[in-house]
Amino acid sequence: ATGRSPFEGRSPQEQLIAHASESVRPPSEIRQDIPEDLEKLILRCLEKDPAARYQDMAELSQAFHQCDCRGDWDGRQAARWWAQLEGQAAKN
């Protein structure tokens, strides 16, 4: 959603430690156009406590389909987004 890793700019070992111990920066701090309900879904996916995350893909899918932005994204848009990210990564 942001085009960035939750803990970018760190060594692989530092990223592992951060994943286990630090809170994730909310996506809206990086991109202000992220809808609030989608941000809540993303943050729940990244919860430290596994019991606080969606328990399976059916639960996650149901939550996503309740998001107001669910109709704003399709396969073509996703393909363009991934191609854009790959292009940026190639430049770096």
PDB file of N, CA and C in Angstrom:
ATOM      1  N   ALA A   1       0.814  -1.204   0.000  1.00  0.00           N
ATOM      2  CA  ALA A   1       0.000   0.000   0.000  1.00  0.00           C
ATOM      3  C   ALA A   1       0.853   1.261   0.000  1.00  0.00           C
ATOM      4  N   THR A   2       2.047   1.169   0.576  1.00  0.00           N
ATOM      5  CA  THR A   2       2.919   2.336   0.626  1.00  0.00           C
ATOM      6  C   THR A   2       4.106   2.214  -0.312  1.00  0.00           C
ATOM      7  N   GLY A   3       4.396   1.003  -0.768  1.00  0.00           N
ATOM      8  CA  GLY A   3       5.569   0.772  -1.595  1.00  0.00           C
ATOM      9  C   GLY A   3       6.841   0.669  -0.776  1.00  0.00           C
ATOM     10  N   ARG A   4       6.703   0.555   0.525  1.00  0.00           N
ATOM     11  CA  ARG A   4       7.860   0.477   1.423  1.00  0.00           C
ATOM     12  C   ARG A   4       7.701  -0.678   2.404  1.00  0.00           C
ATOM     13  N   SER A   5       8.832  -1.167   2.864  1.00  0.00           N
ATOM     14  CA  SER A   5       8.842  -2.166   3.926  1.00  0.00           C
ATOM     15  C   SER A   5       8.490  -1.481   5.243  1.00  0.00           C
ATOM     16  N   PRO A   6       7.812  -2.167   6.152  1.00  0.00           N
ATOM     17  CA  PRO A   6       7.483  -1.537   7.439  1.00  0.00           C
ATOM     18  C   PRO A   6       8.716  -1.075   8.228  1.00  0.00           C
ATOM     19  N   PHE A   7       9.839  -1.736   8.018  1.00  0.00           N
ATOM     20  CA  PHE A   7      11.058  -1.386   8.754  1.00  0.00           C
ATOM     21  C   PHE A   7      12.224  -1.238   7.780  1.00  0.00           C
ATOM     22  N   GLU A   8      12.075  -0.372   6.811  1.00  0.00           N
ATOM     23  CA  GLU A   8      13.100  -0.218   5.784  1.00  0.00           C
ATOM     24  C   GLU A   8      14.325   0.517   6.313  1.00  0.00           C
ATOM     25  N   GLY A   9      15.408   0.394   5.559  1.00  0.00           N
ATOM     26  CA  GLY A   9      16.624   1.116   5.878  1.00  0.00           C
ATOM     27  C   GLY A   9      17.432   0.503   7.002  1.00  0.00           C
ATOM     28  N   ARG A  10      17.237  -0.770   7.247  1.00  0.00           N
ATOM     29  CA  ARG A  10      17.955  -1.450   8.313  1.00  0.00           C
ATOM     30  C   ARG A  10      18.569  -2.729   7.762  1.00  0.00           C
ATOM     31  N   SER A  11      19.528  -3.241   8.479  1.00  0.00           N
ATOM     32  CA  SER A  11      20.114  -4.517   8.081  1.00  0.00           C
ATOM     33  C   SER A  11      19.067  -5.612   8.270  1.00  0.00           C
ATOM     34  N   PRO A  12      19.239  -6.765   7.622  1.00  0.00           N
ATOM     35  CA  PRO A  12      18.276  -7.858   7.801  1.00  0.00           C
ATOM     36  C   PRO A  12      18.098  -8.246   9.277  1.00  0.00           C
ATOM     37  N   GLN A  13      19.173  -8.278  10.024  1.00  0.00           N
ATOM     38  CA  GLN A  13      19.068  -8.634  11.450  1.00  0.00           C
ATOM     39  C   GLN A  13      18.280  -7.564  12.217  1.00  0.00           C
ATOM     40  N   GLU A  14      18.537  -6.302  11.930  1.00  0.00           N
ATOM     41  CA  GLU A  14      17.801  -5.221  12.594  1.00  0.00           C
ATOM     42  C   GLU A  14      16.315  -5.259  12.222  1.00  0.00           C
ATOM     43  N   GLN A  15      16.014  -5.643  10.982  1.00  0.00           N
ATOM     44  CA  GLN A  15      14.614  -5.757  10.570  1.00  0.00           C
ATOM     45  C   GLN A  15      13.908  -6.859  11.345  1.00  0.00           C
ATOM     46  N   LEU A  16      14.574  -7.988  11.530  1.00  0.00           N
ATOM     47  CA  LEU A  16      13.975  -9.082  12.302  1.00  0.00           C
ATOM     48  C   LEU A  16      13.680  -8.646  13.728  1.00  0.00           C
ATOM     49  N   ILE A  17      14.623  -7.955  14.334  1.00  0.00           N
ATOM     50  CA  ILE A  17      14.428  -7.472  15.702  1.00  0.00           C
ATOM     51  C   ILE A  17      13.275  -6.470  15.753  1.00  0.00           C
ATOM     52  N   ALA A  18      13.237  -5.568  14.781  1.00  0.00           N
ATOM     53  CA  ALA A  18      12.169  -4.572  14.726  1.00  0.00           C
ATOM     54  C   ALA A  18      10.806  -5.234  14.550  1.00  0.00           C
ATOM     55  N   HIS A  19      10.717  -6.231  13.684  1.00  0.00           N
ATOM     56  CA  HIS A  19       9.446  -6.936  13.483  1.00  0.00           C
ATOM     57  C   HIS A  19       8.947  -7.546  14.782  1.00  0.00           C
ATOM     58  N   ALA A  20       9.864  -8.012  15.607  1.00  0.00           N
ATOM     59  CA  ALA A  20       9.484  -8.662  16.857  1.00  0.00           C
ATOM     60  C   ALA A  20       9.203  -7.680  17.987  1.00  0.00           C
ATOM     61  N   SER A  21       9.773  -6.475  17.911  1.00  0.00           N
ATOM     62  CA  SER A  21       9.715  -5.622  19.096  1.00  0.00           C
ATOM     63  C   SER A  21       9.140  -4.220  18.904  1.00  0.00           C
ATOM     64  N   GLU A  22       9.076  -3.725  17.695  1.00  0.00           N
ATOM     65  CA  GLU A  22       8.637  -2.345  17.467  1.00  0.00           C
ATOM     66  C   GLU A  22       7.255  -2.291  16.832  1.00  0.00           C
ATOM     67  N   SER A  23       6.555  -1.220  17.108  1.00  0.00           N
ATOM     68  CA  SER A  23       5.272  -0.979  16.447  1.00  0.00           C
ATOM     69  C   SER A  23       5.523  -0.558  15.006  1.00  0.00           C
ATOM     70  N   VAL A  24       4.604  -0.933  14.152  1.00  0.00           N
ATOM     71  CA  VAL A  24       4.692  -0.571  12.739  1.00  0.00           C
ATOM     72  C   VAL A  24       4.223   0.873  12.568  1.00  0.00           C
ATOM     73  N   ARG A  25       4.921   1.598  11.737  1.00  0.00           N
ATOM     74  CA  ARG A  25       4.497   2.958  11.400  1.00  0.00           C
ATOM     75  C   ARG A  25       3.209   2.875  10.597  1.00  0.00           C
ATOM     76  N   PRO A  26       2.166   3.576  11.009  1.00  0.00           N
ATOM     77  CA  PRO A  26       0.912   3.508  10.247  1.00  0.00           C
ATOM     78  C   PRO A  26       1.118   3.946   8.799  1.00  0.00           C
ATOM     79  N   PRO A  27       0.533   3.214   7.865  1.00  0.00           N
ATOM     80  CA  PRO A  27       0.696   3.559   6.446  1.00  0.00           C
ATOM     81  C   PRO A  27       0.309   4.992   6.107  1.00  0.00           C
ATOM     82  N   SER A  28      -0.665   5.555   6.825  1.00  0.00           N
ATOM     83  CA  SER A  28      -1.105   6.917   6.520  1.00  0.00           C
ATOM     84  C   SER A  28      -0.040   7.965   6.837  1.00  0.00           C
ATOM     85  N   GLU A  29       0.975   7.603   7.613  1.00  0.00           N
ATOM     86  CA  GLU A  29       2.081   8.533   7.851  1.00  0.00           C
ATOM     87  C   GLU A  29       2.997   8.618   6.633  1.00  0.00           C
ATOM     88  N   ILE A  30       2.905   7.632   5.763  1.00  0.00           N
ATOM     89  CA  ILE A  30       3.711   7.610   4.547  1.00  0.00           C
ATOM     90  C   ILE A  30       2.889   8.101   3.356  1.00  0.00           C
ATOM     91  N   ARG A  31       1.648   7.629   3.282  1.00  0.00           N
ATOM     92  CA  ARG A  31       0.733   8.041   2.214  1.00  0.00           C
ATOM     93  C   ARG A  31      -0.572   8.489   2.848  1.00  0.00           C
ATOM     94  N   GLN A  32      -0.858   9.759   2.758  1.00  0.00           N
ATOM     95  CA  GLN A  32      -2.047  10.313   3.403  1.00  0.00           C
ATOM     96  C   GLN A  32      -3.356   9.884   2.726  1.00  0.00           C
ATOM     97  N   ASP A  33      -3.267   9.330   1.526  1.00  0.00           N
ATOM     98  CA  ASP A  33      -4.480   8.962   0.796  1.00  0.00           C
ATOM     99  C   ASP A  33      -4.969   7.543   1.097  1.00  0.00           C
ATOM    100  N   ILE A  34      -4.351   6.865   2.040  1.00  0.00           N
ATOM    101  CA  ILE A  34      -4.786   5.508   2.395  1.00  0.00           C
ATOM    102  C   ILE A  34      -6.057   5.605   3.237  1.00  0.00           C
ATOM    103  N   PRO A  35      -7.129   4.953   2.814  1.00  0.00           N
ATOM    104  CA  PRO A  35      -8.372   5.009   3.581  1.00  0.00           C
ATOM    105  C   PRO A  35      -8.186   4.423   4.986  1.00  0.00           C
ATOM    106  N   GLU A  36      -8.885   5.007   5.936  1.00  0.00           N
ATOM    107  CA  GLU A  36      -8.757   4.604   7.342  1.00  0.00           C
ATOM    108  C   GLU A  36      -9.107   3.125   7.551  1.00  0.00           C
ATOM    109  N   ASP A  37     -10.164   2.654   6.887  1.00  0.00           N
ATOM    110  CA  ASP A  37     -10.549   1.254   7.093  1.00  0.00           C
ATOM    111  C   ASP A  37      -9.510   0.289   6.514  1.00  0.00           C
ATOM    112  N   LEU A  38      -8.886   0.657   5.400  1.00  0.00           N
ATOM    113  CA  LEU A  38      -7.824  -0.174   4.826  1.00  0.00           C
ATOM    114  C   LEU A  38      -6.593  -0.155   5.731  1.00  0.00           C
ATOM    115  N   GLU A  39      -6.279   1.004   6.283  1.00  0.00           N
ATOM    116  CA  GLU A  39      -5.147   1.087   7.203  1.00  0.00           C
ATOM    117  C   GLU A  39      -5.363   0.184   8.424  1.00  0.00           C
ATOM    118  N   LYS A  40      -6.562   0.181   8.962  1.00  0.00           N
ATOM    119  CA  LYS A  40      -6.858  -0.696  10.110  1.00  0.00           C
ATOM    120  C   LYS A  40      -6.662  -2.159   9.730  1.00  0.00           C
ATOM    121  N   LEU A  41      -7.096  -2.534   8.529  1.00  0.00           N
ATOM    122  CA  LEU A  41      -6.916  -3.900   8.049  1.00  0.00           C
ATOM    123  C   LEU A  41      -5.428  -4.243   7.959  1.00  0.00           C
ATOM    124  N   ILE A  42      -4.636  -3.363   7.382  1.00  0.00           N
ATOM    125  CA  ILE A  42      -3.199  -3.593   7.237  1.00  0.00           C
ATOM    126  C   ILE A  42      -2.539  -3.734   8.602  1.00  0.00           C
ATOM    127  N   LEU A  43      -2.865  -2.829   9.507  1.00  0.00           N
ATOM    128  CA  LEU A  43      -2.252  -2.876  10.836  1.00  0.00           C
ATOM    129  C   LEU A  43      -2.642  -4.138  11.589  1.00  0.00           C
ATOM    130  N   ARG A  44      -3.857  -4.598  11.397  1.00  0.00           N
ATOM    131  CA  ARG A  44      -4.249  -5.855  12.045  1.00  0.00           C
ATOM    132  C   ARG A  44      -3.456  -7.030  11.471  1.00  0.00           C
ATOM    133  N   CYS A  45      -3.176  -7.011  10.183  1.00  0.00           N
ATOM    134  CA  CYS A  45      -2.353  -8.056   9.564  1.00  0.00           C
ATOM    135  C   CYS A  45      -0.941  -8.074  10.142  1.00  0.00           C
ATOM    136  N   LEU A  46      -0.473  -6.927  10.600  1.00  0.00           N
ATOM    137  CA  LEU A  46       0.892  -6.796  11.100  1.00  0.00           C
ATOM    138  C   LEU A  46       0.986  -6.831  12.624  1.00  0.00           C
ATOM    139  N   GLU A  47      -0.084  -7.200  13.287  1.00  0.00           N
ATOM    140  CA  GLU A  47      -0.071  -7.287  14.752  1.00  0.00           C
ATOM    141  C   GLU A  47       1.014  -8.240  15.232  1.00  0.00           C
ATOM    142  N   LYS A  48       1.639  -7.899  16.351  1.00  0.00           N
ATOM    143  CA  LYS A  48       2.665  -8.771  16.938  1.00  0.00           C
ATOM    144  C   LYS A  48       2.057 -10.065  17.480  1.00  0.00           C
ATOM    145  N   ASP A  49       0.905  -9.939  18.110  1.00  0.00           N
ATOM    146  CA  ASP A  49       0.224 -11.085  18.709  1.00  0.00           C
ATOM    147  C   ASP A  49      -0.566 -11.828  17.626  1.00  0.00           C
ATOM    148  N   PRO A  50      -0.201 -13.069  17.313  1.00  0.00           N
ATOM    149  CA  PRO A  50      -0.922 -13.809  16.266  1.00  0.00           C
ATOM    150  C   PRO A  50      -2.427 -13.911  16.512  1.00  0.00           C
ATOM    151  N   ALA A  51      -2.839 -13.941  17.751  1.00  0.00           N
ATOM    152  CA  ALA A  51      -4.271 -14.040  18.057  1.00  0.00           C
ATOM    153  C   ALA A  51      -5.021 -12.764  17.663  1.00  0.00           C
ATOM    154  N   ALA A  52      -4.311 -11.650  17.553  1.00  0.00           N
ATOM    155  CA  ALA A  52      -4.933 -10.382  17.185  1.00  0.00           C
ATOM    156  C   ALA A  52      -5.036 -10.201  15.669  1.00  0.00           C
ATOM    157  N   ARG A  53      -4.343 -11.052  14.902  1.00  0.00           N
ATOM    158  CA  ARG A  53      -4.391 -10.986  13.435  1.00  0.00           C
ATOM    159  C   ARG A  53      -5.624 -11.721  12.913  1.00  0.00           C
ATOM    160  N   TYR A  54      -5.902 -11.535  11.626  1.00  0.00           N
ATOM    161  CA  TYR A  54      -6.947 -12.338  10.989  1.00  0.00           C
ATOM    162  C   TYR A  54      -6.484 -13.786  11.064  1.00  0.00           C
ATOM    163  N   GLN A  55      -7.397 -14.680  11.337  1.00  0.00           N
ATOM    164  CA  GLN A  55      -7.021 -16.069  11.579  1.00  0.00           C
ATOM    165  C   GLN A  55      -6.903 -16.904  10.312  1.00  0.00           C
ATOM    166  N   ASP A  56      -7.477 -16.416   9.218  1.00  0.00           N
ATOM    167  CA  ASP A  56      -7.346 -17.129   7.945  1.00  0.00           C
ATOM    168  C   ASP A  56      -7.702 -16.174   6.808  1.00  0.00           C
ATOM    169  N   MET A  57      -7.490 -16.638   5.596  1.00  0.00           N
ATOM    170  CA  MET A  57      -7.740 -15.794   4.428  1.00  0.00           C
ATOM    171  C   MET A  57      -9.221 -15.463   4.265  1.00  0.00           C
ATOM    172  N   ALA A  58     -10.088 -16.350   4.683  1.00  0.00           N
ATOM    173  CA  ALA A  58     -11.524 -16.065   4.571  1.00  0.00           C
ATOM    174  C   ALA A  58     -11.884 -14.861   5.449  1.00  0.00           C
ATOM    175  N   GLU A  59     -11.344 -14.820   6.648  1.00  0.00           N
ATOM    176  CA  GLU A  59     -11.610 -13.699   7.556  1.00  0.00           C
ATOM    177  C   GLU A  59     -11.024 -12.396   7.002  1.00  0.00           C
ATOM    178  N   LEU A  60      -9.812 -12.471   6.471  1.00  0.00           N
ATOM    179  CA  LEU A  60      -9.181 -11.296   5.873  1.00  0.00           C
ATOM    180  C   LEU A  60      -9.968 -10.833   4.651  1.00  0.00           C
ATOM    181  N   SER A  61     -10.367 -11.765   3.810  1.00  0.00           N
ATOM    182  CA  SER A  61     -11.138 -11.417   2.615  1.00  0.00           C
ATOM    183  C   SER A  61     -12.456 -10.743   2.987  1.00  0.00           C
ATOM    184  N   GLN A  62     -13.124 -11.266   3.990  1.00  0.00           N
ATOM    185  CA  GLN A  62     -14.386 -10.674   4.438  1.00  0.00           C
ATOM    186  C   GLN A  62     -14.150  -9.243   4.930  1.00  0.00           C
ATOM    187  N   ALA A  63     -13.079  -9.033   5.690  1.00  0.00           N
ATOM    188  CA  ALA A  63     -12.765  -7.689   6.188  1.00  0.00           C
ATOM    189  C   ALA A  63     -12.459  -6.745   5.026  1.00  0.00           C
ATOM    190  N   PHE A  64     -11.691  -7.237   4.047  1.00  0.00           N
ATOM    191  CA  PHE A  64     -11.365  -6.392   2.896  1.00  0.00           C
ATOM    192  C   PHE A  64     -12.621  -6.010   2.124  1.00  0.00           C
ATOM    193  N   HIS A  65     -13.522  -6.947   1.949  1.00  0.00           N
ATOM    194  CA  HIS A  65     -14.747  -6.656   1.184  1.00  0.00           C
ATOM    195  C   HIS A  65     -15.674  -5.701   1.920  1.00  0.00           C
ATOM    196  N   GLN A  66     -15.406  -5.438   3.183  1.00  0.00           N
ATOM    197  CA  GLN A  66     -16.170  -4.441   3.933  1.00  0.00           C
ATOM    198  C   GLN A  66     -15.531  -3.053   3.854  1.00  0.00           C
ATOM    199  N   CYS A  67     -14.322  -2.972   3.317  1.00  0.00           N
ATOM    200  CA  CYS A  67     -13.648  -1.684   3.166  1.00  0.00           C
ATOM    201  C   CYS A  67     -14.343  -0.848   2.090  1.00  0.00           C
ATOM    202  N   ASP A  68     -14.433   0.429   2.342  1.00  0.00           N
ATOM    203  CA  ASP A  68     -15.066   1.327   1.369  1.00  0.00           C
ATOM    204  C   ASP A  68     -14.327   1.363   0.037  1.00  0.00           C
ATOM    205  N   CYS A  69     -13.020   1.106   0.053  1.00  0.00           N
ATOM    206  CA  CYS A  69     -12.207   1.219  -1.161  1.00  0.00           C
ATOM    207  C   CYS A  69     -12.152  -0.082  -1.966  1.00  0.00           C
ATOM    208  N   ARG A  70     -12.879  -1.094  -1.578  1.00  0.00           N
ATOM    209  CA  ARG A  70     -12.757  -2.422  -2.199  1.00  0.00           C
ATOM    210  C   ARG A  70     -12.965  -2.401  -3.706  1.00  0.00           C
ATOM    211  N   GLY A  71     -13.758  -1.505  -4.224  1.00  0.00           N
ATOM    212  CA  GLY A  71     -14.003  -1.443  -5.662  1.00  0.00           C
ATOM    213  C   GLY A  71     -13.013  -0.567  -6.417  1.00  0.00           C
ATOM    214  N   ASP A  72     -12.081   0.038  -5.695  1.00  0.00           N
ATOM    215  CA  ASP A  72     -11.133   0.955  -6.314  1.00  0.00           C
ATOM    216  C   ASP A  72      -9.880   0.263  -6.836  1.00  0.00           C
ATOM    217  N   TRP A  73      -9.808  -1.033  -6.719  1.00  0.00           N
ATOM    218  CA  TRP A  73      -8.576  -1.760  -7.042  1.00  0.00           C
ATOM    219  C   TRP A  73      -8.938  -3.008  -7.827  1.00  0.00           C
ATOM    220  N   ASP A  74      -8.272  -3.214  -8.953  1.00  0.00           N
ATOM    221  CA  ASP A  74      -8.515  -4.427  -9.723  1.00  0.00           C
ATOM    222  C   ASP A  74      -7.178  -5.013 -10.175  1.00  0.00           C
ATOM    223  N   GLY A  75      -7.217  -6.107 -10.876  1.00  0.00           N
ATOM    224  CA  GLY A  75      -6.005  -6.793 -11.299  1.00  0.00           C
ATOM    225  C   GLY A  75      -5.099  -5.954 -12.175  1.00  0.00           C
ATOM    226  N   ARG A  76      -5.682  -5.162 -13.058  1.00  0.00           N
ATOM    227  CA  ARG A  76      -4.862  -4.295 -13.926  1.00  0.00           C
ATOM    228  C   ARG A  76      -4.133  -3.238 -13.108  1.00  0.00           C
ATOM    229  N   GLN A  77      -4.834  -2.637 -12.158  1.00  0.00           N
ATOM    230  CA  GLN A  77      -4.195  -1.642 -11.308  1.00  0.00           C
ATOM    231  C   GLN A  77      -3.080  -2.278 -10.482  1.00  0.00           C
ATOM    232  N   ALA A  78      -3.310  -3.461  -9.983  1.00  0.00           N
ATOM    233  CA  ALA A  78      -2.293  -4.163  -9.199  1.00  0.00           C
ATOM    234  C   ALA A  78      -1.062  -4.446 -10.056  1.00  0.00           C
ATOM    235  N   ALA A  79      -1.276  -4.886 -11.276  1.00  0.00           N
ATOM    236  CA  ALA A  79      -0.150  -5.180 -12.173  1.00  0.00           C
ATOM    237  C   ALA A  79       0.661  -3.924 -12.460  1.00  0.00           C
ATOM    238  N   ARG A  80      -0.016  -2.801 -12.698  1.00  0.00           N
ATOM    239  CA  ARG A  80       0.683  -1.531 -12.927  1.00  0.00           C
ATOM    240  C   ARG A  80       1.474  -1.114 -11.693  1.00  0.00           C
ATOM    241  N   TRP A  81       0.868  -1.276 -10.512  1.00  0.00           N
ATOM    242  CA  TRP A  81       1.522  -0.897  -9.260  1.00  0.00           C
ATOM    243  C   TRP A  81       2.792  -1.709  -9.058  1.00  0.00           C
ATOM    244  N   TRP A  82       2.702  -3.043  -9.274  1.00  0.00           N
ATOM    245  CA  TRP A  82       3.885  -3.898  -9.106  1.00  0.00           C
ATOM    246  C   TRP A  82       4.961  -3.553 -10.133  1.00  0.00           C
ATOM    247  N   ALA A  83       4.563  -3.279 -11.364  1.00  0.00           N
ATOM    248  CA  ALA A  83       5.540  -2.910 -12.399  1.00  0.00           C
ATOM    249  C   ALA A  83       6.235  -1.597 -12.036  1.00  0.00           C
ATOM    250  N   GLN A  84       5.486  -0.664 -11.499  1.00  0.00           N
ATOM    251  CA  GLN A  84       6.053   0.607 -11.073  1.00  0.00           C
ATOM    252  C   GLN A  84       7.065   0.387  -9.945  1.00  0.00           C
ATOM    253  N   LEU A  85       6.731  -0.447  -8.973  1.00  0.00           N
ATOM    254  CA  LEU A  85       7.650  -0.740  -7.876  1.00  0.00           C
ATOM    255  C   LEU A  85       8.909  -1.429  -8.383  1.00  0.00           C
ATOM    256  N   GLU A  86       8.752  -2.368  -9.294  1.00  0.00           N
ATOM    257  CA  GLU A  86       9.914  -3.076  -9.855  1.00  0.00           C
ATOM    258  C   GLU A  86      10.811  -2.090 -10.598  1.00  0.00           C
ATOM    259  N   GLY A  87      10.216  -1.145 -11.303  1.00  0.00           N
ATOM    260  CA  GLY A  87      10.992  -0.128 -12.009  1.00  0.00           C
ATOM    261  C   GLY A  87      11.771   0.749 -11.047  1.00  0.00           C
ATOM    262  N   GLN A  88      11.148   1.124  -9.934  1.00  0.00           N
ATOM    263  CA  GLN A  88      11.834   1.934  -8.926  1.00  0.00           C
ATOM    264  C   GLN A  88      12.974   1.147  -8.285  1.00  0.00           C
ATOM    265  N   ALA A  89      12.749  -0.130  -8.015  1.00  0.00           N
ATOM    266  CA  ALA A  89      13.780  -0.963  -7.403  1.00  0.00           C
ATOM    267  C   ALA A  89      14.971  -1.127  -8.335  1.00  0.00           C
ATOM    268  N   ALA A  90      14.697  -1.233  -9.621  1.00  0.00           N
ATOM    269  CA  ALA A  90      15.777  -1.382 -10.597  1.00  0.00           C
ATOM    270  C   ALA A  90      16.656  -0.122 -10.661  1.00  0.00           C
ATOM    271  N   LYS A  91      16.052   1.039 -10.438  1.00  0.00           N
ATOM    272  CA  LYS A  91      16.806   2.295 -10.452  1.00  0.00           C
ATOM    273  C   LYS A  91      17.710   2.414  -9.238  1.00  0.00           C
ATOM    274  N   ASN A  92      17.300   1.796  -8.130  1.00  0.00           N
ATOM    275  CA  ASN A  92      18.072   1.886  -6.890  1.00  0.00           C
ATOM    276  C   ASN A  92      19.125   0.837  -6.940  1.00  0.00           C
TER     277      ASN A  92
END
